[in-house]
N, C-alpha and C. Protein backbone atom coordinates (compact mmCIF):
# COMPACT_ATOMS: atom_id res chain seq x y z
N MET A 1 113.63 73.77 141.66
CA MET A 1 113.66 74.27 142.88
C MET A 1 112.79 74.28 143.81
N ILE A 2 112.94 74.10 144.95
CA ILE A 2 112.34 74.53 146.31
C ILE A 2 112.60 75.16 146.92
N ILE A 3 111.81 76.30 147.97
CA ILE A 3 111.54 76.93 148.38
C ILE A 3 111.01 77.29 149.40
N PRO A 4 111.00 76.94 150.76
CA PRO A 4 110.40 76.64 151.69
C PRO A 4 109.84 77.77 152.31
N ASP A 5 108.36 77.66 152.44
CA ASP A 5 107.89 78.76 153.74
C ASP A 5 108.52 79.09 154.73
N LEU A 6 109.57 79.24 155.47
CA LEU A 6 109.78 79.13 156.71
C LEU A 6 109.96 80.11 157.59
N ARG A 7 108.78 80.95 157.11
CA ARG A 7 108.86 82.58 158.25
C ARG A 7 108.18 82.19 159.59
N GLN A 8 107.08 80.85 159.60
CA GLN A 8 106.95 80.61 160.98
C GLN A 8 107.31 80.02 161.66
N ASP A 9 108.61 78.89 160.78
CA ASP A 9 109.13 78.34 161.63
C ASP A 9 111.01 79.38 162.34
N PHE A 10 110.54 79.86 161.59
CA PHE A 10 111.64 80.93 162.44
C PHE A 10 111.50 81.37 163.18
N VAL A 11 109.77 82.32 163.59
CA VAL A 11 109.79 83.08 164.45
C VAL A 11 109.76 82.11 164.99
N ASP A 12 108.50 80.96 165.09
CA ASP A 12 108.59 79.82 167.13
C ASP A 12 110.05 79.05 167.05
N ASP A 13 110.50 79.42 166.41
CA ASP A 13 111.77 78.19 166.65
C ASP A 13 113.23 78.80 166.82
N PHE A 14 112.97 80.03 166.46
CA PHE A 14 114.27 80.97 166.43
C PHE A 14 114.54 82.26 166.81
N ILE A 15 113.65 82.62 166.90
CA ILE A 15 113.14 84.26 166.88
C ILE A 15 112.91 84.55 168.18
N TRP A 16 111.81 83.49 168.50
CA TRP A 16 111.52 83.61 170.19
C TRP A 16 111.94 83.32 171.27
N ALA A 17 113.07 82.38 170.78
CA ALA A 17 114.16 81.97 171.28
C ALA A 17 114.93 82.98 171.59
N ALA A 18 115.36 83.55 170.94
CA ALA A 18 116.26 84.74 170.33
C ALA A 18 116.36 85.72 171.12
N VAL A 19 114.19 86.06 171.07
CA VAL A 19 114.53 87.42 172.28
C VAL A 19 114.10 87.18 173.19
N GLN A 20 113.71 86.10 173.75
CA GLN A 20 113.67 85.92 175.12
C GLN A 20 115.28 85.17 175.82
N ALA A 21 116.00 84.91 175.35
CA ALA A 21 117.24 85.20 176.15
C ALA A 21 118.12 86.40 175.64
N ASN A 22 117.76 87.42 174.85
CA ASN A 22 117.98 88.64 174.71
C ASN A 22 119.52 88.83 173.88
N ALA A 23 119.58 87.49 172.99
CA ALA A 23 120.64 87.34 172.16
C ALA A 23 121.05 88.16 170.98
N THR A 24 121.78 89.00 171.63
CA THR A 24 122.58 89.79 170.98
C THR A 24 123.79 89.55 170.38
N TYR A 25 124.67 90.96 169.24
CA TYR A 25 126.23 90.46 169.06
C TYR A 25 126.89 91.53 169.42
N GLU A 26 127.69 91.30 170.39
CA GLU A 26 128.23 92.39 170.95
C GLU A 26 126.98 93.73 171.81
N ASP A 27 126.02 93.35 172.12
CA ASP A 27 124.80 94.42 172.95
C ASP A 27 124.50 95.04 171.99
N ARG A 28 125.00 95.01 170.65
CA ARG A 28 124.19 95.87 169.44
C ARG A 28 123.10 95.11 168.95
N TYR A 29 123.23 94.31 168.25
CA TYR A 29 122.78 93.70 166.69
C TYR A 29 121.76 92.36 167.00
N LEU A 30 121.04 92.58 166.36
CA LEU A 30 119.99 91.00 166.57
C LEU A 30 120.37 89.61 165.84
N LEU A 31 120.34 89.05 166.30
CA LEU A 31 121.36 87.42 165.51
C LEU A 31 120.38 87.27 164.65
N GLY A 32 119.99 87.91 163.62
CA GLY A 32 118.52 87.55 162.14
C GLY A 32 119.64 86.53 161.56
N THR A 33 120.70 86.97 160.80
CA THR A 33 121.41 86.10 160.29
C THR A 33 122.15 84.82 160.46
N ALA A 34 122.76 84.79 161.60
CA ALA A 34 122.94 83.82 162.09
C ALA A 34 122.19 82.78 163.19
N LEU A 35 120.84 83.18 163.20
CA LEU A 35 119.65 82.40 163.68
C LEU A 35 119.24 81.89 162.82
N ALA A 36 119.25 82.34 161.23
CA ALA A 36 118.22 82.09 159.84
C ALA A 36 119.44 81.31 159.61
N ARG A 37 120.65 80.67 159.61
CA ARG A 37 121.07 79.63 158.65
C ARG A 37 121.12 78.44 158.78
N PRO A 38 120.96 77.95 160.34
CA PRO A 38 120.66 76.63 161.02
C PRO A 38 119.25 76.49 160.50
N LEU A 39 118.08 77.02 160.44
CA LEU A 39 116.68 76.75 159.79
C LEU A 39 117.00 76.57 157.81
N ILE A 40 117.88 77.00 157.69
CA ILE A 40 117.70 76.97 155.99
C ILE A 40 118.42 75.63 155.88
N ALA A 41 119.74 75.12 156.54
CA ALA A 41 120.21 73.98 156.95
C ALA A 41 119.43 73.24 156.72
N LYS A 42 118.40 73.41 158.10
CA LYS A 42 117.72 72.46 157.98
C LYS A 42 116.48 71.88 157.24
N ALA A 43 115.86 73.22 156.74
CA ALA A 43 115.35 72.57 155.05
C ALA A 43 116.00 72.22 154.69
N MET A 44 116.98 72.37 153.57
CA MET A 44 117.87 72.14 152.36
C MET A 44 118.06 70.57 152.95
N VAL A 45 117.79 69.71 154.40
CA VAL A 45 118.11 68.90 154.24
C VAL A 45 116.99 67.97 153.67
N LYS A 46 116.13 68.68 154.23
CA LYS A 46 114.71 67.95 154.83
C LYS A 46 114.04 67.96 153.25
N VAL A 47 114.28 68.86 152.23
CA VAL A 47 114.39 68.66 151.01
C VAL A 47 114.66 67.57 149.96
N ALA A 48 116.25 67.96 150.79
CA ALA A 48 116.90 66.91 150.27
C ALA A 48 116.42 65.13 150.34
N ILE A 49 116.33 65.08 151.53
CA ILE A 49 115.65 63.52 152.03
C ILE A 49 114.16 63.61 151.33
N GLU A 50 113.37 64.29 150.91
CA GLU A 50 112.85 64.34 150.84
C GLU A 50 112.17 63.91 149.19
N GLU A 51 113.88 64.51 148.16
CA GLU A 51 113.38 64.17 147.08
C GLU A 51 114.22 63.12 146.51
N GLY A 52 114.91 62.90 147.46
CA GLY A 52 116.22 61.21 147.74
C GLY A 52 117.39 61.51 147.15
N ALA A 53 117.54 63.31 147.46
CA ALA A 53 118.82 63.75 146.40
C ALA A 53 119.94 63.25 147.58
N HIS A 54 121.51 63.39 147.46
CA HIS A 54 122.40 62.82 147.85
C HIS A 54 123.12 64.13 148.10
N TYR A 55 122.77 65.35 147.67
CA TYR A 55 123.77 66.31 147.47
C TYR A 55 122.43 67.66 147.98
N VAL A 56 123.55 68.44 148.79
CA VAL A 56 122.79 69.97 148.84
C VAL A 56 123.88 71.16 148.22
N ALA A 57 123.45 72.01 148.33
CA ALA A 57 124.11 73.51 147.65
C ALA A 57 123.72 74.57 148.63
N HIS A 58 125.04 75.21 148.07
CA HIS A 58 124.47 76.46 148.80
C HIS A 58 124.93 77.81 148.00
N GLY A 59 124.80 78.70 147.90
CA GLY A 59 125.76 80.21 147.49
C GLY A 59 126.24 81.26 148.34
N ALA A 60 127.09 80.46 149.65
CA ALA A 60 127.95 81.82 150.63
C ALA A 60 129.31 81.72 150.40
N THR A 61 129.56 83.00 149.63
CA THR A 61 130.65 83.19 149.39
C THR A 61 132.16 82.81 149.99
N GLY A 62 132.14 82.91 150.86
CA GLY A 62 133.06 82.47 151.72
C GLY A 62 133.66 84.09 152.41
N LYS A 63 132.63 84.74 152.10
CA LYS A 63 133.32 86.43 152.63
C LYS A 63 133.36 86.07 154.32
N GLY A 64 131.69 85.58 155.16
CA GLY A 64 131.51 85.68 155.75
C GLY A 64 131.84 84.24 156.21
N ASN A 65 131.15 83.63 157.68
CA ASN A 65 131.16 82.46 157.95
C ASN A 65 130.05 81.46 157.97
N ASP A 66 129.54 81.87 156.67
CA ASP A 66 127.74 81.12 156.42
C ASP A 66 128.46 79.93 155.68
N GLN A 67 129.45 79.83 154.79
CA GLN A 67 129.60 78.35 154.38
C GLN A 67 129.65 77.42 155.79
N ILE A 68 130.09 77.87 156.98
CA ILE A 68 130.66 76.40 157.79
C ILE A 68 129.09 76.45 158.34
N ARG A 69 128.41 77.85 158.66
CA ARG A 69 126.84 77.47 158.94
C ARG A 69 126.18 76.63 158.55
N PHE A 70 125.95 76.85 156.76
CA PHE A 70 125.33 75.02 156.46
C PHE A 70 125.52 74.52 155.96
N GLU A 71 126.77 74.19 156.29
CA GLU A 71 127.51 72.80 156.30
C GLU A 71 127.70 72.24 157.07
N LEU A 72 128.00 72.53 158.60
CA LEU A 72 127.76 71.93 159.69
C LEU A 72 126.58 71.44 159.91
N GLY A 73 125.44 72.65 159.64
CA GLY A 73 124.06 71.82 159.88
C GLY A 73 123.48 70.70 158.80
N ALA A 74 123.88 71.30 158.17
CA ALA A 74 123.93 69.93 157.22
C ALA A 74 124.60 68.64 157.23
N TYR A 75 125.73 68.87 157.69
CA TYR A 75 126.02 67.64 158.08
C TYR A 75 125.89 66.43 159.94
N ALA A 76 125.70 67.84 160.71
CA ALA A 76 124.77 67.43 161.91
C ALA A 76 123.54 66.52 161.59
N LEU A 77 122.49 67.31 160.56
CA LEU A 77 121.34 66.78 160.48
C LEU A 77 121.35 65.38 159.66
N HIS A 78 122.31 65.14 158.86
CA HIS A 78 122.59 64.31 157.47
C HIS A 78 124.00 64.05 157.20
N PRO A 79 124.37 62.89 158.05
CA PRO A 79 125.91 63.04 157.72
C PRO A 79 126.77 62.67 156.69
N SER A 80 125.52 61.64 156.20
CA SER A 80 126.06 61.05 154.55
C SER A 80 125.78 62.09 153.35
N ILE A 81 125.07 63.07 153.98
CA ILE A 81 124.58 64.45 152.45
C ILE A 81 126.14 64.71 152.12
N GLU A 82 126.43 65.23 150.74
CA GLU A 82 127.62 65.36 150.87
C GLU A 82 126.87 67.65 150.63
N VAL A 83 127.87 68.69 150.67
CA VAL A 83 127.65 69.63 150.36
C VAL A 83 128.00 69.96 149.27
N ILE A 84 127.80 70.45 148.25
CA ILE A 84 128.04 71.46 147.06
C ILE A 84 128.34 72.68 147.74
N SER A 85 129.74 73.40 147.69
CA SER A 85 130.39 74.63 148.31
C SER A 85 130.93 75.10 146.66
N PRO A 86 129.61 76.12 145.91
CA PRO A 86 131.04 76.49 144.59
C PRO A 86 132.05 77.29 144.65
N TRP A 87 131.63 78.29 145.52
CA TRP A 87 132.55 79.33 145.80
C TRP A 87 134.01 78.86 146.00
N ARG A 88 134.11 77.64 146.57
CA ARG A 88 135.36 76.99 147.06
C ARG A 88 136.25 75.90 146.17
N LEU A 89 135.22 76.15 144.69
CA LEU A 89 135.56 75.37 143.68
C LEU A 89 136.70 76.22 142.56
N PRO A 90 138.29 76.60 142.32
CA PRO A 90 138.95 76.76 141.10
C PRO A 90 137.89 77.35 140.37
N GLU A 91 137.57 76.60 138.96
CA GLU A 91 136.88 76.83 137.85
C GLU A 91 135.69 77.86 138.95
N PHE A 92 135.02 77.77 139.67
CA PHE A 92 134.48 78.61 139.88
C PHE A 92 134.13 80.38 140.19
N TYR A 93 135.05 79.90 141.13
CA TYR A 93 135.34 81.50 141.44
C TYR A 93 136.51 82.55 141.06
N THR A 94 137.14 81.61 139.77
CA THR A 94 137.90 81.91 138.69
C THR A 94 136.95 83.18 137.74
N THR A 95 136.10 82.15 137.68
CA THR A 95 135.22 82.39 136.84
C THR A 95 134.29 83.88 137.23
N PHE A 96 133.27 83.39 138.27
CA PHE A 96 132.63 84.89 139.61
C PHE A 96 133.87 84.76 140.12
N PRO A 97 134.93 86.15 141.06
CA PRO A 97 135.12 86.49 141.60
C PRO A 97 134.37 87.07 142.53
N GLY A 98 132.91 87.26 142.22
CA GLY A 98 131.86 88.05 142.54
C GLY A 98 130.50 88.03 142.93
N ARG A 99 129.69 88.52 143.15
CA ARG A 99 128.10 88.71 142.67
C ARG A 99 128.12 89.59 141.63
N LYS A 100 129.32 90.69 141.52
CA LYS A 100 128.64 91.65 140.42
C LYS A 100 128.45 90.68 138.78
N GLU A 101 129.64 89.41 138.76
CA GLU A 101 130.17 88.80 137.79
C GLU A 101 128.96 87.58 137.80
N LEU A 102 128.56 87.14 138.96
CA LEU A 102 127.46 86.52 138.74
C LEU A 102 125.33 87.12 138.11
N PHE A 103 125.60 88.05 138.89
CA PHE A 103 124.51 88.66 137.93
C PHE A 103 124.61 89.16 136.35
N ALA A 104 125.77 89.46 136.26
CA ALA A 104 126.03 90.42 135.12
C ALA A 104 125.69 88.61 134.37
N TYR A 105 126.49 87.86 134.69
CA TYR A 105 126.71 86.05 133.71
C TYR A 105 124.82 85.63 133.79
N ALA A 106 124.04 86.12 134.55
CA ALA A 106 122.84 85.32 134.71
C ALA A 106 121.57 86.39 133.74
N GLU A 107 121.90 88.30 133.71
CA GLU A 107 120.76 88.59 132.91
C GLU A 107 121.47 88.94 131.64
N VAL A 108 122.70 88.13 131.40
CA VAL A 108 122.44 87.88 129.62
C VAL A 108 121.72 86.85 129.59
N ARG A 109 122.16 85.66 130.52
CA ARG A 109 121.30 84.70 129.78
C ARG A 109 119.95 84.01 130.44
N MET A 110 119.49 85.46 130.86
CA MET A 110 118.31 85.53 131.09
C MET A 110 117.17 85.15 129.86
N THR A 111 116.19 84.80 129.91
CA THR A 111 115.04 84.93 128.56
C THR A 111 114.29 84.10 128.77
């Protein structure tokens, strides 16, 4: 697993532009989560290219639109990459209907 430090990129390339544009949702919320997803997709694709990977995966549950943000971002940057979305696979979501079940699974197997 590779987890790059994207904090400076987030501030320089996303947060600063959003502040300048007064980017809010319903005039109330700052768009932190929505802004972060394209940056994460960009980083996933960058690492995939560096590692010679043909696939990327994300853990978005499908309760919001994060799956779409990650996938469209990845496909826009690397059209031939394949995105794995576990929460869309019946064998996955019938076993793990929510995060609670995933955490329980991981806790039992931590050593």
